[in-house]
Amino acid sequence: MAKKRIGQQTFSFESGVRVISSAAVGGPKEGEGILHSELDRIYPDNYAGQESWEKAEQKMMEDAVEMAIKKISLSNDQIDIFLAGDLLNQNISASFTARTHQIPLMGMFGACSASMLTLTTGAMMVEAGFCDIAVVAASSHNSTAERQYRYPTEYGGQKPDTAQWTVTGSGAGVLGTKGSGPRVRFATIGKVVDMGLKNPFDMGSAMAPAAVDTIEAHLNDTGNQPHDYDLIVTGDLASVGHPIATDLLADRGYNMGKNFRDCGLMIYREDQQSFAGGSGCASSALVVYSHLIDEMKRGKLSRVMVVATGALMNPVTYQQGESIPCVAHAVTLEMD
């Protein structure tokens, strides 16, 4: 059997695991943004017909999963495993979605890196033969995240320009070896990087070093260079963290070029009030499971690296004055 581990952090997929279907849904703000024509569903308000924002986030993940499965004419009982993550305490969006769909669940917390954490783990399970079909998903909601991590939106607290706007929505992918779609080629598991930063209103600066660490590990392990990719995107560094990551990579000898972008800057238009840009699990999930996969299927992109970033904090650690440890997980998608 071919060696599947390259270096310390990177895994190679040889059996042809693919994202054979995907779907992404978003709230009204997301529907007015850059991805408006590529989202599968746009909700008229942030409640999505539910009684609370938390139930709305659950509904969005349920819908994304259902649409991704139906696009390839599968039913829930044909799905072997469901891997999902969100930002809410105890991963309630993921677990309550699994309750609705009755698919075996592996809930995963990686903060905003959940999209690539679940994709990596699902691809590993298909690659190893433990399952034939896996569904992966991630979600976030601006109002649920604000209520949990900062201040309820009703409070009307002011934010600095370094703050980000948590993306409301969910993205889901179906993984298998039979079908078409981008192939999962490599996955690099990130290490936790903590630079001692404590400002919850500047997550981009905190997460940028973790993204840089994972990108460098990925390139070293695979032997690739930035120009070997049509696009390299980070998850949600936004306008503050992405330039920091670019400069740090340049200091390490990597010229990232114009094809180095950030998902948090690919969702909202410049005239939309989103502070430094988008954040949350749905930041990378919406971009990947709508725009990027669509572009790959159209033949406009052939090799893409997605580096989903996450701040591994919770409300308790912030209140206790802890710094913000961060992680980034990278996945390379390729079209044949």
C-alpha atoms as a PDB file:
ATOM      1  CA  MET A   1       0.000   0.000   0.000  1.00  0.00           C
ATOM      2  CA  ALA A   2       1.299   3.462  -0.891  1.00  0.00           C
ATOM      3  CA  LYS A   3       2.479   5.567   1.990  1.00  0.00           C
ATOM      4  CA  LYS A   4      -0.287   7.944   2.982  1.00  0.00           C
ATOM      5  CA  ARG A   5       1.624  10.189   5.345  1.00  0.00           C
ATOM      6  CA  ILE A   6       4.090  12.739   4.048  1.00  0.00           C
ATOM      7  CA  GLY A   7       6.268  14.445   6.605  1.00  0.00           C
ATOM      8  CA  GLN A   8       4.883  15.049  10.072  1.00  0.00           C
ATOM      9  CA  GLN A   9       1.613  16.790   9.264  1.00  0.00           C
ATOM     10  CA  THR A  10       0.434  15.956   5.740  1.00  0.00           C
ATOM     11  CA  PHE A  11      -1.610  13.035   4.437  1.00  0.00           C
ATOM     12  CA  SER A  12      -1.863  11.929   0.816  1.00  0.00           C
ATOM     13  CA  PHE A  13      -5.100  10.508  -0.595  1.00  0.00           C
ATOM     14  CA  GLU A  14      -4.614   7.909  -3.320  1.00  0.00           C
ATOM     15  CA  SER A  15      -7.993   6.203  -3.765  1.00  0.00           C
ATOM     16  CA  GLY A  16      -9.783   9.070  -5.480  1.00  0.00           C
ATOM     17  CA  VAL A  17     -11.926  10.480  -2.656  1.00  0.00           C
ATOM     18  CA  ARG A  18     -13.986  13.284  -4.141  1.00  0.00           C
ATOM     19  CA  VAL A  19     -16.455  15.961  -3.175  1.00  0.00           C
ATOM     20  CA  ILE A  20     -19.203  14.445  -5.295  1.00  0.00           C
ATOM     21  CA  SER A  21     -21.837  16.974  -4.237  1.00  0.00           C
ATOM     22  CA  SER A  22     -22.068  20.159  -2.212  1.00  0.00           C
ATOM     23  CA  ALA A  23     -24.514  22.852  -1.136  1.00  0.00           C
ATOM     24  CA  ALA A  24     -24.316  26.180   0.651  1.00  0.00           C
ATOM     25  CA  VAL A  25     -26.995  28.403   2.173  1.00  0.00           C
ATOM     26  CA  GLY A  26     -26.784  31.897   3.622  1.00  0.00           C
ATOM     27  CA  GLY A  27     -28.659  34.635   5.418  1.00  0.00           C
ATOM     28  CA  PRO A  28     -29.934  37.871   3.868  1.00  0.00           C
ATOM     29  CA  LYS A  29     -26.633  39.738   4.254  1.00  0.00           C
ATOM     30  CA  GLU A  30     -24.774  36.897   2.569  1.00  0.00           C
ATOM     31  CA  GLY A  31     -27.427  36.825  -0.136  1.00  0.00           C
ATOM     32  CA  GLU A  32     -26.694  40.460  -0.948  1.00  0.00           C
ATOM     33  CA  GLY A  33     -22.974  39.787  -1.195  1.00  0.00           C
ATOM     34  CA  ILE A  34     -20.557  38.474  -3.785  1.00  0.00           C
ATOM     35  CA  LEU A  35     -21.826  34.871  -3.660  1.00  0.00           C
ATOM     36  CA  HIS A  36     -25.510  35.708  -4.121  1.00  0.00           C
ATOM     37  CA  SER A  37     -25.839  33.830  -7.436  1.00  0.00           C
ATOM     38  CA  GLU A  38     -23.978  30.739  -6.218  1.00  0.00           C
ATOM     39  CA  LEU A  39     -25.746  29.989  -2.939  1.00  0.00           C
ATOM     40  CA  ASP A  40     -28.371  27.243  -3.056  1.00  0.00           C
ATOM     41  CA  ARG A  41     -30.714  29.079  -0.701  1.00  0.00           C
ATOM     42  CA  ILE A  42     -30.895  32.584   0.714  1.00  0.00           C
ATOM     43  CA  TYR A  43     -33.130  33.167   3.713  1.00  0.00           C
ATOM     44  CA  PRO A  44     -35.195  36.356   3.873  1.00  0.00           C
ATOM     45  CA  ASP A  45     -34.202  36.995   7.503  1.00  0.00           C
ATOM     46  CA  ASN A  46     -31.805  35.671  10.120  1.00  0.00           C
ATOM     47  CA  TYR A  47     -34.531  33.605  11.793  1.00  0.00           C
ATOM     48  CA  ALA A  48     -35.032  31.349   8.740  1.00  0.00           C
ATOM     49  CA  GLY A  49     -38.597  30.743   9.846  1.00  0.00           C
ATOM     50  CA  GLN A  50     -37.570  29.579  13.316  1.00  0.00           C
ATOM     51  CA  GLU A  51     -38.186  30.861  16.848  1.00  0.00           C
ATOM     52  CA  SER A  52     -34.585  31.666  17.731  1.00  0.00           C
ATOM     53  CA  TRP A  53     -31.251  32.336  16.084  1.00  0.00           C
ATOM     54  CA  GLU A  54     -29.857  29.050  17.403  1.00  0.00           C
ATOM     55  CA  LYS A  55     -32.716  27.124  15.803  1.00  0.00           C
ATOM     56  CA  ALA A  56     -32.159  29.132  12.627  1.00  0.00           C
ATOM     57  CA  GLU A  57     -28.524  28.016  12.466  1.00  0.00           C
ATOM     58  CA  GLN A  58     -29.624  24.426  12.937  1.00  0.00           C
ATOM     59  CA  LYS A  59     -32.180  24.846  10.139  1.00  0.00           C
ATOM     60  CA  MET A  60     -29.500  26.192   7.823  1.00  0.00           C
ATOM     61  CA  MET A  61     -27.225  23.220   8.416  1.00  0.00           C
ATOM     62  CA  GLU A  62     -30.161  20.834   7.979  1.00  0.00           C
ATOM     63  CA  ASP A  63     -31.014  22.442   4.651  1.00  0.00           C
ATOM     64  CA  ALA A  64     -27.431  22.453   3.360  1.00  0.00           C
ATOM     65  CA  VAL A  65     -27.030  18.765   4.202  1.00  0.00           C
ATOM     66  CA  GLU A  66     -30.385  17.837   2.684  1.00  0.00           C
ATOM     67  CA  MET A  67     -29.706  19.709  -0.553  1.00  0.00           C
ATOM     68  CA  ALA A  68     -26.198  18.279  -0.955  1.00  0.00           C
ATOM     69  CA  ILE A  69     -27.557  14.739  -0.544  1.00  0.00           C
ATOM     70  CA  LYS A  70     -30.518  15.253  -2.878  1.00  0.00           C
ATOM     71  CA  LYS A  71     -28.348  16.709  -5.658  1.00  0.00           C
ATOM     72  CA  ILE A  72     -26.981  13.207  -6.291  1.00  0.00           C
ATOM     73  CA  SER A  73     -30.263  11.433  -5.591  1.00  0.00           C
ATOM     74  CA  LEU A  74     -29.188   9.794  -2.347  1.00  0.00           C
ATOM     75  CA  SER A  75     -31.268   9.287   0.779  1.00  0.00           C
ATOM     76  CA  ASN A  76     -30.204   9.691   4.387  1.00  0.00           C
ATOM     77  CA  ASP A  77     -30.009   5.938   4.966  1.00  0.00           C
ATOM     78  CA  GLN A  78     -27.363   5.706   2.233  1.00  0.00           C
ATOM     79  CA  ILE A  79     -25.013   8.000   4.173  1.00  0.00           C
ATOM     80  CA  ASP A  80     -22.545   6.131   6.389  1.00  0.00           C
ATOM     81  CA  ILE A  81     -21.338   8.981   8.594  1.00  0.00           C
ATOM     82  CA  PHE A  82     -22.002  12.670   9.247  1.00  0.00           C
ATOM     83  CA  LEU A  83     -19.140  14.882  10.423  1.00  0.00           C
ATOM     84  CA  ALA A  84     -20.030  18.429  11.373  1.00  0.00           C
ATOM     85  CA  GLY A  85     -18.934  21.366  13.473  1.00  0.00           C
ATOM     86  CA  ASP A  86     -20.120  24.795  14.541  1.00  0.00           C
ATOM     87  CA  LEU A  87     -19.282  27.486  17.110  1.00  0.00           C
ATOM     88  CA  LEU A  88     -22.029  26.935  19.658  1.00  0.00           C
ATOM     89  CA  ASN A  89     -21.465  25.294  23.024  1.00  0.00           C
ATOM     90  CA  GLN A  90     -21.335  21.501  22.704  1.00  0.00           C
ATOM     91  CA  ASN A  91     -21.744  21.670  18.891  1.00  0.00           C
ATOM     92  CA  ILE A  92     -25.524  21.871  19.116  1.00  0.00           C
ATOM     93  CA  SER A  93     -26.074  22.801  15.461  1.00  0.00           C
ATOM     94  CA  ALA A  94     -24.285  19.627  14.396  1.00  0.00           C
ATOM     95  CA  SER A  95     -25.900  17.311  16.938  1.00  0.00           C
ATOM     96  CA  PHE A  96     -29.423  18.655  16.455  1.00  0.00           C
ATOM     97  CA  THR A  97     -29.024  18.407  12.664  1.00  0.00           C
ATOM     98  CA  ALA A  98     -27.983  14.777  13.082  1.00  0.00           C
ATOM     99  CA  ARG A  99     -31.045  14.260  15.253  1.00  0.00           C
ATOM    100  CA  THR A 100     -33.226  15.479  12.397  1.00  0.00           C
ATOM    101  CA  HIS A 101     -31.525  13.557   9.597  1.00  0.00           C
ATOM    102  CA  GLN A 102     -30.812  10.390  11.614  1.00  0.00           C
ATOM    103  CA  ILE A 103     -27.322   9.888  10.205  1.00  0.00           C
ATOM    104  CA  PRO A 104     -24.551   8.519  12.468  1.00  0.00           C
ATOM    105  CA  LEU A 105     -22.759  11.559  13.878  1.00  0.00           C
ATOM    106  CA  MET A 106     -19.203  12.521  14.669  1.00  0.00           C
ATOM    107  CA  GLY A 107     -19.393  16.059  16.021  1.00  0.00           C
ATOM    108  CA  MET A 108     -16.126  17.945  15.651  1.00  0.00           C
ATOM    109  CA  PHE A 109     -14.990  21.237  17.149  1.00  0.00           C
ATOM    110  CA  GLY A 110     -12.243  23.187  15.468  1.00  0.00           C
ATOM    111  CA  ALA A 111     -13.737  26.665  15.790  1.00  0.00           C
ATOM    112  CA  CYS A 112     -13.686  28.333  12.369  1.00  0.00           C
ATOM    113  CA  SER A 113     -11.404  25.600  10.997  1.00  0.00           C
ATOM    114  CA  ALA A 114     -14.327  23.142  11.202  1.00  0.00           C
ATOM    115  CA  SER A 115     -14.934  23.095   7.442  1.00  0.00           C
ATOM    116  CA  MET A 116     -11.547  21.580   6.607  1.00  0.00           C
ATOM    117  CA  LEU A 117     -11.318  19.566   9.836  1.00  0.00           C
ATOM    118  CA  THR A 118     -14.518  17.704   8.950  1.00  0.00           C
ATOM    119  CA  LEU A 119     -13.544  17.413   5.268  1.00  0.00           C
ATOM    120  CA  THR A 120     -10.155  15.942   6.183  1.00  0.00           C
ATOM    121  CA  THR A 121     -11.584  13.439   8.645  1.00  0.00           C
ATOM    122  CA  GLY A 122     -14.396  12.405   6.314  1.00  0.00           C
ATOM    123  CA  ALA A 123     -11.941  11.899   3.445  1.00  0.00           C
ATOM    124  CA  MET A 124      -9.731   9.772   5.715  1.00  0.00           C
ATOM    125  CA  MET A 125     -12.667   7.528   6.616  1.00  0.00           C
ATOM    126  CA  VAL A 126     -13.600   7.020   2.964  1.00  0.00           C
ATOM    127  CA  GLU A 127      -9.961   6.523   1.975  1.00  0.00           C
ATOM    128  CA  ALA A 128      -9.474   3.883   4.679  1.00  0.00           C
ATOM    129  CA  GLY A 129     -12.605   2.013   3.613  1.00  0.00           C
ATOM    130  CA  PHE A 130     -14.509   2.532   6.845  1.00  0.00           C
ATOM    131  CA  CYS A 131     -17.373   4.068   4.871  1.00  0.00           C
ATOM    132  CA  ASP A 132     -18.458   4.602   1.286  1.00  0.00           C
ATOM    133  CA  ILE A 133     -20.298   7.902   1.631  1.00  0.00           C
ATOM    134  CA  ALA A 134     -19.613  10.637   4.191  1.00  0.00           C
ATOM    135  CA  VAL A 135     -21.326  13.980   4.603  1.00  0.00           C
ATOM    136  CA  VAL A 136     -19.388  16.884   6.109  1.00  0.00           C
ATOM    137  CA  ALA A 137     -20.764  20.262   7.164  1.00  0.00           C
ATOM    138  CA  ALA A 138     -20.041  23.448   9.089  1.00  0.00           C
ATOM    139  CA  SER A 139     -22.206  26.380  10.121  1.00  0.00           C
ATOM    140  CA  SER A 140     -22.188  29.690  11.952  1.00  0.00           C
ATOM    141  CA  HIS A 141     -24.627  32.524  12.593  1.00  0.00           C
ATOM    142  CA  ASN A 142     -23.811  36.121  13.342  1.00  0.00           C
ATOM    143  CA  SER A 143     -26.356  36.529  16.120  1.00  0.00           C
ATOM    144  CA  THR A 144     -25.668  33.207  17.852  1.00  0.00           C
ATOM    145  CA  ALA A 145     -21.919  33.845  17.839  1.00  0.00           C
ATOM    146  CA  GLU A 146     -22.315  37.394  19.122  1.00  0.00           C
ATOM    147  CA  ARG A 147     -24.584  36.255  21.944  1.00  0.00           C
ATOM    148  CA  GLN A 148     -22.166  33.524  23.008  1.00  0.00           C
ATOM    149  CA  TYR A 149     -18.748  35.104  22.519  1.00  0.00           C
ATOM    150  CA  ARG A 150     -19.282  38.844  22.847  1.00  0.00           C
ATOM    151  CA  TYR A 151     -22.483  40.830  23.418  1.00  0.00           C
ATOM    152  CA  PRO A 152     -26.061  40.146  22.288  1.00  0.00           C
ATOM    153  CA  THR A 153     -26.926  42.177  19.212  1.00  0.00           C
ATOM    154  CA  GLU A 154     -29.658  43.975  21.180  1.00  0.00           C
ATOM    155  CA  TYR A 155     -26.943  45.462  23.386  1.00  0.00           C
ATOM    156  CA  GLY A 156     -25.664  47.545  20.491  1.00  0.00           C
ATOM    157  CA  GLY A 157     -22.050  47.451  21.613  1.00  0.00           C
ATOM    158  CA  GLN A 158     -19.579  49.301  19.408  1.00  0.00           C
ATOM    159  CA  LYS A 159     -16.771  47.426  17.680  1.00  0.00           C
ATOM    160  CA  PRO A 160     -13.372  48.479  16.346  1.00  0.00           C
ATOM    161  CA  ASP A 161     -12.479  48.163  12.671  1.00  0.00           C
ATOM    162  CA  THR A 162     -10.379  45.076  13.424  1.00  0.00           C
ATOM    163  CA  ALA A 163     -13.499  43.111  14.388  1.00  0.00           C
ATOM    164  CA  GLN A 164     -15.109  40.749  11.897  1.00  0.00           C
ATOM    165  CA  TRP A 165     -18.649  39.870  10.905  1.00  0.00           C
ATOM    166  CA  THR A 166     -19.574  36.256  11.653  1.00  0.00           C
ATOM    167  CA  VAL A 167     -21.022  34.721   8.494  1.00  0.00           C
ATOM    168  CA  THR A 168     -24.570  33.400   8.734  1.00  0.00           C
ATOM    169  CA  GLY A 169     -25.063  30.178   6.823  1.00  0.00           C
ATOM    170  CA  SER A 170     -23.909  26.629   6.324  1.00  0.00           C
ATOM    171  CA  GLY A 171     -22.013  24.583   3.768  1.00  0.00           C
ATOM    172  CA  ALA A 172     -22.058  20.820   3.263  1.00  0.00           C
ATOM    173  CA  GLY A 173     -20.235  18.330   1.065  1.00  0.00           C
ATOM    174  CA  VAL A 174     -20.776  14.690   0.168  1.00  0.00           C
ATOM    175  CA  LEU A 175     -17.633  12.563  -0.097  1.00  0.00           C
ATOM    176  CA  GLY A 176     -17.239   9.328  -2.032  1.00  0.00           C
ATOM    177  CA  THR A 177     -15.088   7.559  -4.616  1.00  0.00           C
ATOM    178  CA  LYS A 178     -17.816   7.006  -7.205  1.00  0.00           C
ATOM    179  CA  GLY A 179     -18.849  10.175  -8.950  1.00  0.00           C
ATOM    180  CA  SER A 180     -17.403  13.385 -10.262  1.00  0.00           C
ATOM    181  CA  GLY A 181     -16.118  16.475  -8.554  1.00  0.00           C
ATOM    182  CA  PRO A 182     -12.853  17.772  -7.094  1.00  0.00           C
ATOM    183  CA  ARG A 183     -10.558  15.143  -5.674  1.00  0.00           C
ATOM    184  CA  VAL A 184      -9.190  15.462  -2.145  1.00  0.00           C
ATOM    185  CA  ARG A 185      -5.444  15.158  -2.800  1.00  0.00           C
ATOM    186  CA  PHE A 186      -3.667  16.302   0.386  1.00  0.00           C
ATOM    187  CA  ALA A 187      -4.598  17.347   3.901  1.00  0.00           C
ATOM    188  CA  THR A 188      -2.267  19.041   6.373  1.00  0.00           C
ATOM    189  CA  ILE A 189      -3.232  18.985  10.044  1.00  0.00           C
ATOM    190  CA  GLY A 190      -2.197  22.180  11.781  1.00  0.00           C
ATOM    191  CA  LYS A 191      -0.424  22.653  15.075  1.00  0.00           C
ATOM    192  CA  VAL A 192      -1.768  24.975  17.746  1.00  0.00           C
ATOM    193  CA  VAL A 193      -0.021  28.354  17.557  1.00  0.00           C
ATOM    194  CA  ASP A 194      -0.441  30.926  20.320  1.00  0.00           C
ATOM    195  CA  MET A 195       1.276  34.304  19.989  1.00  0.00           C
ATOM    196  CA  GLY A 196      -0.124  35.551  23.295  1.00  0.00           C
ATOM    197  CA  LEU A 197      -2.788  37.820  21.762  1.00  0.00           C
ATOM    198  CA  LYS A 198      -5.944  38.332  23.810  1.00  0.00           C
ATOM    199  CA  ASN A 199      -8.148  40.727  21.834  1.00  0.00           C
ATOM    200  CA  PRO A 200     -11.407  38.978  20.791  1.00  0.00           C
ATOM    201  CA  PHE A 201     -12.067  41.868  18.415  1.00  0.00           C
ATOM    202  CA  ASP A 202      -8.938  41.126  16.381  1.00  0.00           C
ATOM    203  CA  MET A 203      -9.087  37.448  15.513  1.00  0.00           C
ATOM    204  CA  GLY A 204      -7.303  37.935  12.190  1.00  0.00           C
ATOM    205  CA  SER A 205      -4.037  38.911  13.865  1.00  0.00           C
ATOM    206  CA  ALA A 206      -4.302  35.978  16.263  1.00  0.00           C
ATOM    207  CA  MET A 207      -4.981  33.377  13.548  1.00  0.00           C
ATOM    208  CA  ALA A 208      -2.532  34.569  10.878  1.00  0.00           C
ATOM    209  CA  PRO A 209       0.569  32.836  12.384  1.00  0.00           C
ATOM    210  CA  ALA A 210      -1.319  29.517  12.553  1.00  0.00           C
ATOM    211  CA  ALA A 211      -2.234  29.811   8.870  1.00  0.00           C
ATOM    212  CA  VAL A 212       1.385  30.563   8.000  1.00  0.00           C
ATOM    213  CA  ASP A 213       2.641  27.597  10.025  1.00  0.00           C
ATOM    214  CA  THR A 214       0.280  25.181   8.267  1.00  0.00           C
ATOM    215  CA  ILE A 215       0.932  26.560   4.781  1.00  0.00           C
ATOM    216  CA  GLU A 216       4.682  26.232   5.295  1.00  0.00           C
ATOM    217  CA  ALA A 217       4.283  22.679   6.618  1.00  0.00           C
ATOM    218  CA  HIS A 218       2.097  21.769   3.645  1.00  0.00           C
ATOM    219  CA  LEU A 219       4.549  23.145   1.109  1.00  0.00           C
ATOM    220  CA  ASN A 220       7.528  21.512   2.816  1.00  0.00           C
ATOM    221  CA  ASP A 221       5.790  18.134   3.093  1.00  0.00           C
ATOM    222  CA  THR A 222       4.486  18.053  -0.491  1.00  0.00           C
ATOM    223  CA  GLY A 223       7.420  19.765  -2.171  1.00  0.00           C
ATOM    224  CA  ASN A 224       5.030  22.180  -3.852  1.00  0.00           C
ATOM    225  CA  GLN A 225       5.398  25.924  -4.194  1.00  0.00           C
ATOM    226  CA  PRO A 226       2.676  28.613  -4.067  1.00  0.00           C
ATOM    227  CA  HIS A 227       2.738  28.995  -7.858  1.00  0.00           C
ATOM    228  CA  ASP A 228       1.742  25.321  -8.211  1.00  0.00           C
ATOM    229  CA  TYR A 229      -1.768  26.266  -7.068  1.00  0.00           C
ATOM    230  CA  ASP A 230      -4.375  28.176  -9.011  1.00  0.00           C
ATOM    231  CA  LEU A 231      -5.637  29.529  -5.716  1.00  0.00           C
ATOM    232  CA  ILE A 232      -4.704  29.370  -2.043  1.00  0.00           C
ATOM    233  CA  VAL A 233      -7.361  30.689   0.328  1.00  0.00           C
ATOM    234  CA  THR A 234      -7.325  31.177   4.072  1.00  0.00           C
ATOM    235  CA  GLY A 235     -10.508  30.786   6.075  1.00  0.00           C
ATOM    236  CA  ASP A 236     -11.247  34.061   7.805  1.00  0.00           C
ATOM    237  CA  LEU A 237      -8.182  36.216   8.359  1.00  0.00           C
ATOM    238  CA  ALA A 238      -9.955  39.104   6.625  1.00  0.00           C
ATOM    239  CA  SER A 239      -8.378  42.485   5.897  1.00  0.00           C
ATOM    240  CA  VAL A 240      -6.304  42.569   9.099  1.00  0.00           C
ATOM    241  CA  GLY A 241      -4.903  39.049   9.299  1.00  0.00           C
ATOM    242  CA  HIS A 242      -4.439  38.264   5.605  1.00  0.00           C
ATOM    243  CA  PRO A 243      -1.770  40.940   4.974  1.00  0.00           C
ATOM    244  CA  ILE A 244       0.007  39.755   8.128  1.00  0.00           C
ATOM    245  CA  ALA A 245       0.035  36.207   6.800  1.00  0.00           C
ATOM    246  CA  THR A 246       1.315  37.419   3.427  1.00  0.00           C
ATOM    247  CA  ASP A 247       4.185  39.306   5.071  1.00  0.00           C
ATOM    248  CA  LEU A 248       5.089  36.418   7.373  1.00  0.00           C
ATOM    249  CA  LEU A 249       5.193  34.007   4.437  1.00  0.00           C
ATOM    250  CA  ALA A 250       7.361  36.462   2.486  1.00  0.00           C
ATOM    251  CA  ASP A 251       9.775  36.563   5.437  1.00  0.00           C
ATOM    252  CA  ARG A 252      10.031  32.770   5.126  1.00  0.00           C
ATOM    253  CA  GLY A 253      10.802  32.966   1.415  1.00  0.00           C
ATOM    254  CA  TYR A 254       7.349  32.389  -0.094  1.00  0.00           C
ATOM    255  CA  ASN A 255       6.022  34.821  -2.686  1.00  0.00           C
ATOM    256  CA  MET A 256       2.300  34.095  -2.485  1.00  0.00           C
ATOM    257  CA  GLY A 257       1.323  36.277  -5.432  1.00  0.00           C
ATOM    258  CA  LYS A 258      -2.139  37.437  -6.470  1.00  0.00           C
ATOM    259  CA  ASN A 259      -3.688  33.976  -6.117  1.00  0.00           C
ATOM    260  CA  PHE A 260      -3.436  34.112  -2.317  1.00  0.00           C
ATOM    261  CA  ARG A 261      -6.839  35.206  -1.030  1.00  0.00           C
ATOM    262  CA  ASP A 262      -9.085  34.980   2.017  1.00  0.00           C
ATOM    263  CA  CYS A 263     -12.621  33.572   2.208  1.00  0.00           C
ATOM    264  CA  GLY A 264     -13.614  36.284   4.666  1.00  0.00           C
ATOM    265  CA  LEU A 265     -13.017  38.840   1.891  1.00  0.00           C
ATOM    266  CA  MET A 266     -14.860  36.833  -0.787  1.00  0.00           C
ATOM    267  CA  ILE A 267     -18.364  36.942   0.703  1.00  0.00           C
ATOM    268  CA  TYR A 268     -19.367  40.568   1.291  1.00  0.00           C
ATOM    269  CA  ARG A 269     -19.133  43.502  -1.079  1.00  0.00           C
ATOM    270  CA  GLU A 270     -16.909  46.400  -0.074  1.00  0.00           C
ATOM    271  CA  ASP A 271     -19.932  48.626   0.509  1.00  0.00           C
ATOM    272  CA  GLN A 272     -21.488  46.155   2.968  1.00  0.00           C
ATOM    273  CA  GLN A 273     -20.739  46.854   6.625  1.00  0.00           C
ATOM    274  CA  SER A 274     -18.695  43.823   7.662  1.00  0.00           C
ATOM    275  CA  PHE A 275     -15.854  45.549   9.556  1.00  0.00           C
ATOM    276  CA  ALA A 276     -12.632  43.723   8.579  1.00  0.00           C
ATOM    277  CA  GLY A 277     -14.535  40.998   6.715  1.00  0.00           C
ATOM    278  CA  GLY A 278     -16.279  37.698   7.300  1.00  0.00           C
ATOM    279  CA  SER A 279     -15.470  35.104   9.938  1.00  0.00           C
ATOM    280  CA  GLY A 280     -16.970  31.963  11.454  1.00  0.00           C
ATOM    281  CA  CYS A 281     -17.222  28.343  10.329  1.00  0.00           C
ATOM    282  CA  ALA A 282     -19.475  29.386   7.458  1.00  0.00           C
ATOM    283  CA  SER A 283     -16.861  31.764   6.052  1.00  0.00           C
ATOM    284  CA  SER A 284     -14.796  29.050   4.403  1.00  0.00           C
ATOM    285  CA  ALA A 285     -17.722  26.599   4.159  1.00  0.00           C
ATOM    286  CA  LEU A 286     -19.810  28.946   1.998  1.00  0.00           C
ATOM    287  CA  VAL A 287     -16.919  29.860  -0.300  1.00  0.00           C
ATOM    288  CA  VAL A 288     -15.701  26.272  -0.737  1.00  0.00           C
ATOM    289  CA  TYR A 289     -19.024  24.468  -1.076  1.00  0.00           C
ATOM    290  CA  SER A 290     -20.427  27.008  -3.521  1.00  0.00           C
ATOM    291  CA  HIS A 291     -17.967  29.221  -5.393  1.00  0.00           C
ATOM    292  CA  LEU A 292     -14.725  27.217  -5.369  1.00  0.00           C
ATOM    293  CA  ILE A 293     -16.217  23.838  -6.203  1.00  0.00           C
ATOM    294  CA  ASP A 294     -18.379  25.438  -8.892  1.00  0.00           C
ATOM    295  CA  GLU A 295     -15.309  27.100 -10.404  1.00  0.00           C
ATOM    296  CA  MET A 296     -13.432  23.788 -10.383  1.00  0.00           C
ATOM    297  CA  LYS A 297     -16.305  21.992 -12.089  1.00  0.00           C
ATOM    298  CA  ARG A 298     -16.405  24.743 -14.728  1.00  0.00           C
ATOM    299  CA  GLY A 299     -12.719  24.156 -15.436  1.00  0.00           C
ATOM    300  CA  LYS A 300     -11.623  27.586 -14.251  1.00  0.00           C
ATOM    301  CA  LEU A 301      -9.585  26.177 -11.335  1.00  0.00           C
ATOM    302  CA  SER A 302      -7.721  22.879 -11.269  1.00  0.00           C
ATOM    303  CA  ARG A 303      -5.768  22.911  -7.994  1.00  0.00           C
ATOM    304  CA  VAL A 304      -6.891  24.790  -4.885  1.00  0.00           C
ATOM    305  CA  MET A 305      -5.598  24.789  -1.318  1.00  0.00           C
ATOM    306  CA  VAL A 306      -8.055  25.781   1.397  1.00  0.00           C
ATOM    307  CA  VAL A 307      -6.510  26.730   4.755  1.00  0.00           C
ATOM    308  CA  ALA A 308      -9.348  27.018   7.268  1.00  0.00           C
ATOM    309  CA  THR A 309      -8.322  28.978  10.358  1.00  0.00           C
ATOM    310  CA  GLY A 310      -9.765  28.742  13.861  1.00  0.00           C
ATOM    311  CA  ALA A 311      -9.402  30.502  17.221  1.00  0.00           C
ATOM    312  CA  LEU A 312      -9.645  27.846  19.933  1.00  0.00           C
ATOM    313  CA  MET A 313     -11.078  30.041  22.651  1.00  0.00           C
ATOM    314  CA  ASN A 314     -14.368  30.021  24.528  1.00  0.00           C
ATOM    315  CA  PRO A 315     -16.170  32.612  26.678  1.00  0.00           C
ATOM    316  CA  VAL A 316     -14.670  31.214  29.890  1.00  0.00           C
ATOM    317  CA  THR A 317     -11.047  31.401  28.735  1.00  0.00           C
ATOM    318  CA  TYR A 318     -11.570  34.991  27.581  1.00  0.00           C
ATOM    319  CA  GLN A 319     -13.089  35.980  30.932  1.00  0.00           C
ATOM    320  CA  GLN A 320     -10.142  34.378  32.718  1.00  0.00           C
ATOM    321  CA  GLY A 321      -7.676  36.454  30.723  1.00  0.00           C
ATOM    322  CA  GLU A 322      -6.285  33.579  28.657  1.00  0.00           C
ATOM    323  CA  SER A 323      -4.585  34.196  25.338  1.00  0.00           C
ATOM    324  CA  ILE A 324      -6.095  32.895  22.088  1.00  0.00           C
ATOM    325  CA  PRO A 325      -4.597  29.631  20.773  1.00  0.00           C
ATOM    326  CA  CYS A 326      -5.194  29.129  17.072  1.00  0.00           C
ATOM    327  CA  VAL A 327      -5.034  26.349  14.493  1.00  0.00           C
ATOM    328  CA  ALA A 328      -5.319  25.983  10.721  1.00  0.00           C
ATOM    329  CA  HIS A 329      -6.058  22.889   8.645  1.00  0.00           C
ATOM    330  CA  ALA A 330      -5.275  22.761   4.917  1.00  0.00           C
ATOM    331  CA  VAL A 331      -6.859  20.635   2.193  1.00  0.00           C
ATOM    332  CA  THR A 332      -5.782  20.496  -1.438  1.00  0.00           C
ATOM    333  CA  LEU A 333      -8.558  19.887  -3.964  1.00  0.00           C
ATOM    334  CA  GLU A 334      -7.743  18.908  -7.541  1.00  0.00           C
ATOM    335  CA  MET A 335      -9.688  18.301 -10.725  1.00  0.00           C
ATOM    336  CA  ASP A 336      -8.446  15.483 -12.940  1.00  0.00           C
END
